């Protein structure tokens, strides 16, 4: 079990929508992690503008390197993804 202040970093996931309950929940989780003295960072997929994977690419873009470094350095991750509630099968 981690004690207070023992988590070096906690990197958190992404949401695409402008207004999102998933993003709101993620921000609440960030606040809770910060209250526990964890270092936090919200990785926003819109701001990162990650490219599609290209196996022929020799050098990954800076955004990809930044995300990979953040995930590698993290002691924990919280991922948030929207639920597709508007889709129905008829």
C-alpha atoms as a PDB file:
ATOM      1  CA  UNK A   1       0.000   0.000   0.000  1.00  0.00           C
ATOM      2  CA  UNK A   2       1.263   3.451  -0.872  1.00  0.00           C
ATOM      3  CA  UNK A   3       1.606   6.028   1.874  1.00  0.00           C
ATOM      4  CA  UNK A   4       0.857   9.705   1.501  1.00  0.00           C
ATOM      5  CA  UNK A   5       3.265  11.363  -0.910  1.00  0.00           C
ATOM      6  CA  UNK A   6       4.814   8.100  -2.087  1.00  0.00           C
ATOM      7  CA  UNK A   7       3.287   8.127  -5.580  1.00  0.00           C
ATOM      8  CA  UNK A   8       5.705   9.933  -7.850  1.00  0.00           C
ATOM      9  CA  UNK A   9       3.303  10.423 -10.730  1.00  0.00           C
ATOM     10  CA  UNK A  10      -0.171   9.544 -11.806  1.00  0.00           C
ATOM     11  CA  UNK A  11      -0.931  10.206 -15.465  1.00  0.00           C
ATOM     12  CA  UNK A  12      -4.531  10.278 -16.576  1.00  0.00           C
ATOM     13  CA  UNK A  13      -6.348   9.463 -19.857  1.00  0.00           C
ATOM     14  CA  UNK A  14      -8.386  11.315 -22.451  1.00  0.00           C
ATOM     15  CA  UNK A  15     -11.814  12.291 -23.751  1.00  0.00           C
ATOM     16  CA  UNK A  16     -12.862  13.593 -27.202  1.00  0.00           C
ATOM     17  CA  UNK A  17     -16.149  15.412 -26.459  1.00  0.00           C
ATOM     18  CA  UNK A  18     -16.324  19.138 -25.631  1.00  0.00           C
ATOM     19  CA  UNK A  19     -18.668  18.544 -22.673  1.00  0.00           C
ATOM     20  CA  UNK A  20     -18.162  15.189 -21.087  1.00  0.00           C
ATOM     21  CA  UNK A  21     -19.176  13.542 -17.845  1.00  0.00           C
ATOM     22  CA  UNK A  22     -16.219  11.192 -18.362  1.00  0.00           C
ATOM     23  CA  UNK A  23     -13.875  14.195 -18.443  1.00  0.00           C
ATOM     24  CA  UNK A  24     -15.579  15.684 -15.371  1.00  0.00           C
ATOM     25  CA  UNK A  25     -15.097  12.384 -13.504  1.00  0.00           C
ATOM     26  CA  UNK A  26     -11.484  12.269 -14.629  1.00  0.00           C
ATOM     27  CA  UNK A  27     -10.849  15.780 -13.282  1.00  0.00           C
ATOM     28  CA  UNK A  28     -12.373  14.765  -9.936  1.00  0.00           C
ATOM     29  CA  UNK A  29     -10.011  11.772  -9.875  1.00  0.00           C
ATOM     30  CA  UNK A  30      -7.103  14.140 -10.629  1.00  0.00           C
ATOM     31  CA  UNK A  31      -8.099  16.352  -7.716  1.00  0.00           C
ATOM     32  CA  UNK A  32      -8.274  13.339  -5.400  1.00  0.00           C
ATOM     33  CA  UNK A  33      -4.860  12.116  -6.536  1.00  0.00           C
ATOM     34  CA  UNK A  34      -3.410  15.600  -6.006  1.00  0.00           C
ATOM     35  CA  UNK A  35      -4.927  15.709  -2.493  1.00  0.00           C
ATOM     36  CA  UNK A  36      -3.044  12.464  -1.821  1.00  0.00           C
ATOM     37  CA  UNK A  37       0.091  14.364  -2.901  1.00  0.00           C
ATOM     38  CA  UNK A  38       0.512  12.520  -6.192  1.00  0.00           C
ATOM     39  CA  UNK A  39       1.983  14.353  -9.144  1.00  0.00           C
ATOM     40  CA  UNK A  40      -0.701  14.358 -11.829  1.00  0.00           C
ATOM     41  CA  UNK A  41      -1.060  15.148 -15.514  1.00  0.00           C
ATOM     42  CA  UNK A  42      -4.100  15.000 -17.773  1.00  0.00           C
ATOM     43  CA  UNK A  43      -3.237  13.741 -21.247  1.00  0.00           C
ATOM     44  CA  UNK A  44      -5.807  15.288 -23.586  1.00  0.00           C
ATOM     45  CA  UNK A  45      -6.045  13.392 -26.870  1.00  0.00           C
ATOM     46  CA  UNK A  46      -7.299  16.506 -28.686  1.00  0.00           C
ATOM     47  CA  UNK A  47      -4.279  18.535 -27.578  1.00  0.00           C
ATOM     48  CA  UNK A  48      -1.820  15.709 -28.234  1.00  0.00           C
ATOM     49  CA  UNK A  49      -3.192  15.258 -31.774  1.00  0.00           C
ATOM     50  CA  UNK A  50      -1.788  11.736 -31.987  1.00  0.00           C
ATOM     51  CA  UNK A  51      -1.338  10.412 -35.537  1.00  0.00           C
ATOM     52  CA  UNK A  52      -2.511   7.053 -36.827  1.00  0.00           C
ATOM     53  CA  UNK A  53       0.085   4.338 -36.330  1.00  0.00           C
ATOM     54  CA  UNK A  54       2.480   4.044 -39.265  1.00  0.00           C
ATOM     55  CA  UNK A  55       4.826   1.045 -39.059  1.00  0.00           C
ATOM     56  CA  UNK A  56       7.047   2.606 -41.755  1.00  0.00           C
ATOM     57  CA  UNK A  57       7.642   5.805 -39.758  1.00  0.00           C
ATOM     58  CA  UNK A  58      11.269   6.124 -38.651  1.00  0.00           C
ATOM     59  CA  UNK A  59      10.829   8.837 -36.006  1.00  0.00           C
ATOM     60  CA  UNK A  60       7.659   9.165 -33.915  1.00  0.00           C
ATOM     61  CA  UNK A  61       6.164  12.659 -33.546  1.00  0.00           C
ATOM     62  CA  UNK A  62       6.909  14.622 -30.357  1.00  0.00           C
ATOM     63  CA  UNK A  63       3.357  14.079 -29.056  1.00  0.00           C
ATOM     64  CA  UNK A  64       3.829  10.310 -29.224  1.00  0.00           C
ATOM     65  CA  UNK A  65       7.161  10.521 -27.410  1.00  0.00           C
ATOM     66  CA  UNK A  66       5.614  12.766 -24.727  1.00  0.00           C
ATOM     67  CA  UNK A  67       2.718  10.378 -24.130  1.00  0.00           C
ATOM     68  CA  UNK A  68       4.963   7.301 -24.053  1.00  0.00           C
ATOM     69  CA  UNK A  69       7.365   8.993 -21.622  1.00  0.00           C
ATOM     70  CA  UNK A  70       4.494  10.035 -19.338  1.00  0.00           C
ATOM     71  CA  UNK A  71       3.039   6.514 -19.293  1.00  0.00           C
ATOM     72  CA  UNK A  72       6.469   4.951 -18.723  1.00  0.00           C
ATOM     73  CA  UNK A  73       7.236   7.235 -15.767  1.00  0.00           C
ATOM     74  CA  UNK A  74       3.834   6.820 -14.117  1.00  0.00           C
ATOM     75  CA  UNK A  75       3.274   4.741 -10.997  1.00  0.00           C
ATOM     76  CA  UNK A  76      -0.394   4.514 -11.876  1.00  0.00           C
ATOM     77  CA  UNK A  77      -2.833   5.323 -14.658  1.00  0.00           C
ATOM     78  CA  UNK A  78      -6.502   6.221 -14.632  1.00  0.00           C
ATOM     79  CA  UNK A  79      -8.146   5.882 -18.039  1.00  0.00           C
ATOM     80  CA  UNK A  80     -11.480   7.463 -18.824  1.00  0.00           C
ATOM     81  CA  UNK A  81     -13.452   6.645 -21.931  1.00  0.00           C
ATOM     82  CA  UNK A  82     -16.943   7.807 -22.862  1.00  0.00           C
ATOM     83  CA  UNK A  83     -19.734   5.277 -22.988  1.00  0.00           C
ATOM     84  CA  UNK A  84     -21.622   5.197 -26.281  1.00  0.00           C
ATOM     85  CA  UNK A  85     -25.113   5.436 -24.765  1.00  0.00           C
ATOM     86  CA  UNK A  86     -26.671   7.047 -27.834  1.00  0.00           C
ATOM     87  CA  UNK A  87     -26.210   3.959 -29.991  1.00  0.00           C
ATOM     88  CA  UNK A  88     -29.014   1.430 -30.091  1.00  0.00           C
ATOM     89  CA  UNK A  89     -29.713  -1.696 -32.030  1.00  0.00           C
ATOM     90  CA  UNK A  90     -33.215  -1.757 -33.520  1.00  0.00           C
END
